PDB file of N, CA and C in Angstrom:
ATOM      1  N   UNK A   1       1.616   8.564  -9.654  1.00  0.00           N
ATOM      2  CA  UNK A   1       1.819   7.720  -8.492  1.00  0.00           C
ATOM      3  C   UNK A   1       1.237   8.432  -7.295  1.00  0.00           C
ATOM      4  N   UNK A   2       0.364   7.503  -6.536  1.00  0.00           N
ATOM      5  CA  UNK A   2      -0.313   8.078  -5.302  1.00  0.00           C
ATOM      6  C   UNK A   2       0.282   7.847  -4.290  1.00  0.00           C
ATOM      7  N   UNK A   3       0.144   8.529  -3.085  1.00  0.00           N
ATOM      8  CA  UNK A   3       0.920   8.245  -1.923  1.00  0.00           C
ATOM      9  C   UNK A   3      -0.121   7.948  -0.783  1.00  0.00           C
ATOM     10  N   UNK A   4       0.347   7.085   0.075  1.00  0.00           N
ATOM     11  CA  UNK A   4      -0.460   6.854   1.391  1.00  0.00           C
ATOM     12  C   UNK A   4       0.176   6.735   2.533  1.00  0.00           C
ATOM     13  N   UNK A   5      -0.060   7.800   3.523  1.00  0.00           N
ATOM     14  CA  UNK A   5       0.656   7.974   4.534  1.00  0.00           C
ATOM     15  C   UNK A   5       0.142   7.087   5.885  1.00  0.00           C
ATOM     16  N   UNK A   6       1.006   6.315   6.638  1.00  0.00           N
ATOM     17  CA  UNK A   6       0.851   5.398   7.659  1.00  0.00           C
ATOM     18  C   UNK A   6       0.541   6.326   9.087  1.00  0.00           C
ATOM     19  N   UNK A   7      -0.341   5.974   9.811  1.00  0.00           N
ATOM     20  CA  UNK A   7      -0.449   6.550  11.142  1.00  0.00           C
ATOM     21  C   UNK A   7       0.560   5.583  12.004  1.00  0.00           C
ATOM     22  N   UNK A   8       0.530   4.443  11.733  1.00  0.00           N
ATOM     23  CA  UNK A   8       1.339   3.429  12.609  1.00  0.00           C
ATOM     24  C   UNK A   8       2.588   3.001  11.818  1.00  0.00           C
ATOM     25  N   UNK A   9       3.277   1.950  12.320  1.00  0.00           N
ATOM     26  CA  UNK A   9       4.441   1.448  11.661  1.00  0.00           C
ATOM     27  C   UNK A   9       4.310   0.609  10.379  1.00  0.00           C
ATOM     28  N   UNK A  10       3.218   0.232  10.365  1.00  0.00           N
ATOM     29  CA  UNK A  10       2.724  -0.612   9.018  1.00  0.00           C
ATOM     30  C   UNK A  10       1.357  -0.911   9.117  1.00  0.00           C
ATOM     31  N   UNK A  11       1.041  -1.483   8.173  1.00  0.00           N
ATOM     32  CA  UNK A  11      -0.289  -1.696   7.716  1.00  0.00           C
ATOM     33  C   UNK A  11      -0.387  -2.929   6.978  1.00  0.00           C
ATOM     34  N   UNK A  12      -1.487  -3.774   6.883  1.00  0.00           N
ATOM     35  CA  UNK A  12      -1.488  -4.874   6.242  1.00  0.00           C
ATOM     36  C   UNK A  12      -1.947  -4.780   4.826  1.00  0.00           C
ATOM     37  N   UNK A  13      -1.525  -5.566   3.788  1.00  0.00           N
ATOM     38  CA  UNK A  13      -1.538  -5.295   2.420  1.00  0.00           C
ATOM     39  C   UNK A  13      -2.923  -5.060   2.034  1.00  0.00           C
ATOM     40  N   UNK A  14      -4.094  -6.143   2.471  1.00  0.00           N
ATOM     41  CA  UNK A  14      -5.710  -5.898   2.152  1.00  0.00           C
ATOM     42  C   UNK A  14      -5.912  -4.773   2.895  1.00  0.00           C
ATOM     43  N   UNK A  15      -5.810  -4.305   3.959  1.00  0.00           N
ATOM     44  CA  UNK A  15      -6.186  -3.085   4.393  1.00  0.00           C
ATOM     45  C   UNK A  15      -5.697  -1.679   3.598  1.00  0.00           C
ATOM     46  N   UNK A  16      -4.545  -1.554   3.331  1.00  0.00           N
ATOM     47  CA  UNK A  16      -3.924  -0.477   2.509  1.00  0.00           C
ATOM     48  C   UNK A  16      -4.846  -0.632   1.061  1.00  0.00           C
ATOM     49  N   UNK A  17      -5.182  -1.694   0.564  1.00  0.00           N
ATOM     50  CA  UNK A  17      -5.725  -1.477  -0.560  1.00  0.00           C
ATOM     51  C   UNK A  17      -6.952  -0.984  -0.623  1.00  0.00           C
ATOM     52  N   UNK A  18      -7.688  -1.441   0.436  1.00  0.00           N
ATOM     53  CA  UNK A  18      -8.990  -0.930   0.663  1.00  0.00           C
ATOM     54  C   UNK A  18      -9.074   0.594   0.934  1.00  0.00           C
ATOM     55  N   UNK A  19      -8.374   0.883   2.026  1.00  0.00           N
ATOM     56  CA  UNK A  19      -8.051   2.301   2.602  1.00  0.00           C
ATOM     57  C   UNK A  19      -7.563   3.194   1.642  1.00  0.00           C
ATOM     58  N   UNK A  20      -6.843   3.080   0.610  1.00  0.00           N
ATOM     59  CA  UNK A  20      -6.341   3.822  -0.136  1.00  0.00           C
ATOM     60  C   UNK A  20      -7.269   4.183  -1.566  1.00  0.00           C
ATOM     61  N   UNK A  21      -8.458   3.016  -1.685  1.00  0.00           N
ATOM     62  CA  UNK A  21      -9.332   3.166  -2.772  1.00  0.00           C
ATOM     63  C   UNK A  21      -8.815   2.258  -4.087  1.00  0.00           C
ATOM     64  N   UNK A  22      -7.970   1.658  -3.959  1.00  0.00           N
ATOM     65  CA  UNK A  22      -7.606   0.864  -5.076  1.00  0.00           C
ATOM     66  C   UNK A  22      -8.449  -0.426  -4.999  1.00  0.00           C
ATOM     67  N   UNK A  23      -8.974  -1.003  -4.117  1.00  0.00           N
ATOM     68  CA  UNK A  23     -10.119  -1.934  -3.886  1.00  0.00           C
ATOM     69  C   UNK A  23     -11.195  -1.199  -3.421  1.00  0.00           C
ATOM     70  N   UNK A  24     -12.522  -1.532  -3.837  1.00  0.00           N
ATOM     71  CA  UNK A  24     -13.734  -0.853  -3.153  1.00  0.00           C
ATOM     72  C   UNK A  24     -14.023  -1.450  -1.947  1.00  0.00           C
ATOM     73  N   UNK A  25     -13.739  -3.049  -1.545  1.00  0.00           N
ATOM     74  CA  UNK A  25     -14.081  -3.800  -0.444  1.00  0.00           C
ATOM     75  C   UNK A  25     -12.958  -4.567  -0.109  1.00  0.00           C
ATOM     76  N   UNK A  26     -12.964  -4.943   1.045  1.00  0.00           N
ATOM     77  CA  UNK A  26     -12.007  -5.968   1.892  1.00  0.00           C
ATOM     78  C   UNK A  26     -12.037  -7.459   0.982  1.00  0.00           C
ATOM     79  N   UNK A  27     -13.294  -7.606   0.738  1.00  0.00           N
ATOM     80  CA  UNK A  27     -13.404  -8.960  -0.523  1.00  0.00           C
ATOM     81  C   UNK A  27     -12.737  -8.573  -1.428  1.00  0.00           C
ATOM     82  N   UNK A  28     -12.708  -7.548  -2.436  1.00  0.00           N
ATOM     83  CA  UNK A  28     -12.045  -7.263  -3.474  1.00  0.00           C
ATOM     84  C   UNK A  28     -10.677  -7.263  -3.569  1.00  0.00           C
ATOM     85  N   UNK A  29     -10.131  -6.846  -2.210  1.00  0.00           N
ATOM     86  CA  UNK A  29      -8.919  -6.865  -1.937  1.00  0.00           C
ATOM     87  C   UNK A  29      -8.318  -8.133  -1.790  1.00  0.00           C
ATOM     88  N   UNK A  30      -8.913  -8.802  -1.057  1.00  0.00           N
ATOM     89  CA  UNK A  30      -8.623 -10.288  -0.770  1.00  0.00           C
ATOM     90  C   UNK A  30      -8.739 -11.375  -2.135  1.00  0.00           C
ATOM     91  N   UNK A  31      -9.444 -10.842  -2.891  1.00  0.00           N
ATOM     92  CA  UNK A  31      -9.441 -11.973  -4.247  1.00  0.00           C
ATOM     93  C   UNK A  31      -8.214 -11.223  -5.088  1.00  0.00           C
ATOM     94  N   UNK A  32      -7.885 -10.026  -5.103  1.00  0.00           N
ATOM     95  CA  UNK A  32      -7.142  -9.467  -5.831  1.00  0.00           C
ATOM     96  C   UNK A  32      -5.491  -9.831  -5.493  1.00  0.00           C
ATOM     97  N   UNK A  33      -5.379  -9.961  -4.244  1.00  0.00           N
ATOM     98  CA  UNK A  33      -4.364 -10.388  -3.687  1.00  0.00           C
ATOM     99  C   UNK A  33      -3.866 -12.146  -3.961  1.00  0.00           C
ATOM    100  N   UNK A  34      -5.029 -12.778  -3.458  1.00  0.00           N
ATOM    101  CA  UNK A  34      -4.876 -14.194  -3.903  1.00  0.00           C
ATOM    102  C   UNK A  34      -4.930 -14.642  -5.180  1.00  0.00           C
ATOM    103  N   UNK A  35      -5.230 -13.646  -6.246  1.00  0.00           N
ATOM    104  CA  UNK A  35      -5.433 -14.245  -7.614  1.00  0.00           C
ATOM    105  C   UNK A  35      -3.957 -13.569  -8.208  1.00  0.00           C
ATOM    106  N   UNK A  36      -2.933 -13.038  -7.371  1.00  0.00           N
ATOM    107  CA  UNK A  36      -1.881 -12.756  -7.963  1.00  0.00           C
ATOM    108  C   UNK A  36      -1.668 -11.245  -8.765  1.00  0.00           C
ATOM    109  N   UNK A  37      -2.754 -10.693  -8.652  1.00  0.00           N
ATOM    110  CA  UNK A  37      -2.985  -9.204  -9.148  1.00  0.00           C
ATOM    111  C   UNK A  37      -2.017  -8.275  -8.458  1.00  0.00           C
ATOM    112  N   UNK A  38      -1.516  -8.422  -7.454  1.00  0.00           N
ATOM    113  CA  UNK A  38      -1.039  -7.311  -6.568  1.00  0.00           C
ATOM    114  C   UNK A  38       0.558  -7.520  -6.541  1.00  0.00           C
ATOM    115  N   UNK A  39       1.149  -6.448  -6.779  1.00  0.00           N
ATOM    116  CA  UNK A  39       2.717  -6.511  -6.577  1.00  0.00           C
ATOM    117  C   UNK A  39       3.251  -5.533  -5.399  1.00  0.00           C
ATOM    118  N   UNK A  40       4.094  -6.112  -4.561  1.00  0.00           N
ATOM    119  CA  UNK A  40       4.665  -5.333  -3.752  1.00  0.00           C
ATOM    120  C   UNK A  40       6.086  -5.041  -3.861  1.00  0.00           C
ATOM    121  N   UNK A  41       6.810  -3.861  -4.233  1.00  0.00           N
ATOM    122  CA  UNK A  41       8.097  -3.623  -4.676  1.00  0.00           C
ATOM    123  C   UNK A  41       8.472  -4.590  -5.785  1.00  0.00           C
ATOM    124  N   UNK A  42       7.488  -4.786  -6.618  1.00  0.00           N
ATOM    125  CA  UNK A  42       7.833  -5.559  -7.854  1.00  0.00           C
ATOM    126  C   UNK A  42       7.724  -6.792  -7.871  1.00  0.00           C
ATOM    127  N   UNK A  43       7.440  -7.413  -7.068  1.00  0.00           N
ATOM    128  CA  UNK A  43       7.096  -8.885  -6.735  1.00  0.00           C
ATOM    129  C   UNK A  43       5.861  -9.232  -6.394  1.00  0.00           C
ATOM    130  N   UNK A  44       5.147 -10.321  -7.356  1.00  0.00           N
ATOM    131  CA  UNK A  44       3.786 -10.606  -6.883  1.00  0.00           C
ATOM    132  C   UNK A  44       3.604 -11.062  -5.273  1.00  0.00           C
ATOM    133  N   UNK A  45       2.706 -10.528  -4.785  1.00  0.00           N
ATOM    134  CA  UNK A  45       2.308 -10.833  -3.233  1.00  0.00           C
ATOM    135  C   UNK A  45       0.976 -11.588  -3.372  1.00  0.00           C
ATOM    136  N   UNK A  46       1.225 -12.771  -2.476  1.00  0.00           N
ATOM    137  CA  UNK A  46      -0.154 -13.504  -2.501  1.00  0.00           C
ATOM    138  C   UNK A  46      -0.476 -13.585  -0.918  1.00  0.00           C
ATOM    139  N   UNK A  47       0.033 -12.970  -0.148  1.00  0.00           N
ATOM    140  CA  UNK A  47      -0.413 -12.899   1.097  1.00  0.00           C
ATOM    141  C   UNK A  47      -0.774 -11.316   1.635  1.00  0.00           C
ATOM    142  N   UNK A  48      -2.358 -11.668   1.695  1.00  0.00           N
ATOM    143  CA  UNK A  48      -3.326 -10.366   2.088  1.00  0.00           C
ATOM    144  C   UNK A  48      -2.717  -9.721   3.550  1.00  0.00           C
ATOM    145  N   UNK A  49      -1.898 -10.672   4.303  1.00  0.00           N
ATOM    146  CA  UNK A  49      -1.516  -9.967   5.770  1.00  0.00           C
ATOM    147  C   UNK A  49      -0.303  -9.634   5.857  1.00  0.00           C
ATOM    148  N   UNK A  50       0.378  -9.416   4.408  1.00  0.00           N
ATOM    149  CA  UNK A  50       1.741  -8.880   4.317  1.00  0.00           C
ATOM    150  C   UNK A  50       1.906  -7.684   5.076  1.00  0.00           C
ATOM    151  N   UNK A  51       2.947  -7.383   5.836  1.00  0.00           N
ATOM    152  CA  UNK A  51       2.978  -6.192   6.730  1.00  0.00           C
ATOM    153  C   UNK A  51       3.717  -5.095   5.421  1.00  0.00           C
ATOM    154  N   UNK A  52       3.031  -4.202   5.305  1.00  0.00           N
ATOM    155  CA  UNK A  52       3.438  -3.155   4.320  1.00  0.00           C
ATOM    156  C   UNK A  52       4.282  -1.819   5.330  1.00  0.00           C
ATOM    157  N   UNK A  53       5.158  -1.501   4.938  1.00  0.00           N
ATOM    158  CA  UNK A  53       5.949  -0.288   5.805  1.00  0.00           C
ATOM    159  C   UNK A  53       6.374   0.680   4.766  1.00  0.00           C
ATOM    160  N   UNK A  54       6.824   1.962   5.496  1.00  0.00           N
ATOM    161  CA  UNK A  54       7.083   3.277   4.481  1.00  0.00           C
ATOM    162  C   UNK A  54       8.249   2.590   3.748  1.00  0.00           C
ATOM    163  N   UNK A  55       8.081   3.260   2.531  1.00  0.00           N
ATOM    164  CA  UNK A  55       8.837   2.855   1.293  1.00  0.00           C
ATOM    165  C   UNK A  55       8.591   1.968   0.493  1.00  0.00           C
ATOM    166  N   UNK A  56       7.280   1.331   0.842  1.00  0.00           N
ATOM    167  CA  UNK A  56       7.241  -0.141  -0.003  1.00  0.00           C
ATOM    168  C   UNK A  56       6.080   0.544  -1.195  1.00  0.00           C
ATOM    169  N   UNK A  57       6.141  -0.058  -2.297  1.00  0.00           N
ATOM    170  CA  UNK A  57       5.722   0.334  -3.569  1.00  0.00           C
ATOM    171  C   UNK A  57       4.668  -0.819  -3.962  1.00  0.00           C
ATOM    172  N   UNK A  58       3.327  -0.350  -4.015  1.00  0.00           N
ATOM    173  CA  UNK A  58       2.392  -1.528  -4.361  1.00  0.00           C
ATOM    174  C   UNK A  58       1.896  -0.926  -5.691  1.00  0.00           C
ATOM    175  N   UNK A  59       1.736  -2.038  -6.304  1.00  0.00           N
ATOM    176  CA  UNK A  59       1.052  -2.105  -7.985  1.00  0.00           C
ATOM    177  C   UNK A  59       0.030  -2.860  -8.247  1.00  0.00           C
ATOM    178  N   UNK A  60      -1.528  -2.257  -8.540  1.00  0.00           N
ATOM    179  CA  UNK A  60      -2.470  -2.862  -8.827  1.00  0.00           C
ATOM    180  C   UNK A  60      -3.207  -2.208  -9.782  1.00  0.00           C
ATOM    181  N   UNK A  61      -3.636  -2.973 -10.910  1.00  0.00           N
ATOM    182  CA  UNK A  61      -4.679  -2.676 -11.709  1.00  0.00           C
ATOM    183  C   UNK A  61      -3.970  -1.333 -12.678  1.00  0.00           C
ATOM    184  N   UNK A  62      -2.765  -1.366 -12.761  1.00  0.00           N
ATOM    185  CA  UNK A  62      -2.119  -0.145 -13.589  1.00  0.00           C
ATOM    186  C   UNK A  62      -1.697   1.039 -12.895  1.00  0.00           C
ATOM    187  N   UNK A  63      -2.060   1.093 -11.415  1.00  0.00           N
ATOM    188  CA  UNK A  63      -1.735   2.117 -10.336  1.00  0.00           C
ATOM    189  C   UNK A  63      -0.638   1.679  -9.625  1.00  0.00           C
ATOM    190  N   UNK A  64      -0.031   2.914  -9.295  1.00  0.00           N
ATOM    191  CA  UNK A  64       1.231   2.543  -8.207  1.00  0.00           C
ATOM    192  C   UNK A  64       0.960   3.500  -7.105  1.00  0.00           C
ATOM    193  N   UNK A  65       1.120   2.896  -5.919  1.00  0.00           N
ATOM    194  CA  UNK A  65       0.906   3.668  -4.592  1.00  0.00           C
ATOM    195  C   UNK A  65       2.267   3.488  -3.694  1.00  0.00           C
ATOM    196  N   UNK A  66       2.803   4.590  -3.344  1.00  0.00           N
ATOM    197  CA  UNK A  66       3.843   4.621  -2.430  1.00  0.00           C
ATOM    198  C   UNK A  66       3.346   4.809  -0.965  1.00  0.00           C
ATOM    199  N   UNK A  67       4.166   3.964  -0.259  1.00  0.00           N
ATOM    200  CA  UNK A  67       3.734   4.034   1.093  1.00  0.00           C
ATOM    201  C   UNK A  67       4.732   5.106   1.934  1.00  0.00           C
ATOM    202  N   UNK A  68       4.192   5.882   2.604  1.00  0.00           N
ATOM    203  CA  UNK A  68       5.088   6.906   3.454  1.00  0.00           C
ATOM    204  C   UNK A  68       4.450   7.198   4.898  1.00  0.00           C
ATOM    205  N   UNK A  69       5.464   7.408   5.839  1.00  0.00           N
ATOM    206  CA  UNK A  69       5.206   7.866   7.095  1.00  0.00           C
ATOM    207  C   UNK A  69       4.271   9.099   7.102  1.00  0.00           C
ATOM    208  N   UNK A  70       3.252   9.297   8.250  1.00  0.00           N
ATOM    209  CA  UNK A  70       2.757  10.314   8.481  1.00  0.00           C
ATOM    210  C   UNK A  70       3.471  11.640   8.629  1.00  0.00           C
ATOM    211  N   UNK A  71       4.546  11.383   9.475  1.00  0.00           N
ATOM    212  CA  UNK A  71       5.374  12.486   9.702  1.00  0.00           C
ATOM    213  C   UNK A  71       6.181  13.146   8.187  1.00  0.00           C
ATOM    214  N   UNK A  72       6.167  12.220   7.329  1.00  0.00           N
ATOM    215  CA  UNK A  72       6.808  12.634   6.137  1.00  0.00           C
ATOM    216  C   UNK A  72       5.935  13.792   5.542  1.00  0.00           C
ATOM    217  N   UNK A  73       4.541  13.926   5.641  1.00  0.00           N
ATOM    218  CA  UNK A  73       3.887  14.753   4.710  1.00  0.00           C
ATOM    219  C   UNK A  73       4.056  16.128   5.229  1.00  0.00           C
ATOM    220  N   UNK A  74       4.244  17.135   4.066  1.00  0.00           N
ATOM    221  CA  UNK A  74       4.465  18.320   4.211  1.00  0.00           C
ATOM    222  C   UNK A  74       3.206  19.032   4.437  1.00  0.00           C
TER     223      UNK A  74
END
């Protein structure tokens, strides 16, 4: 499981998919979400603009990504 550290309080789903490298481009992220291929906390998420906060778990293409606050980084 990979980790992604937030600088702010939240990030949008499409942005985190691209920034973490799960999707190569924003367009790839958009279609992955709208096609129902992305899960947030075990539920399929169809909104690319969904706010992702620390503690959320994103699943895509057989990979998992846990979201953490930057202060949690050791």
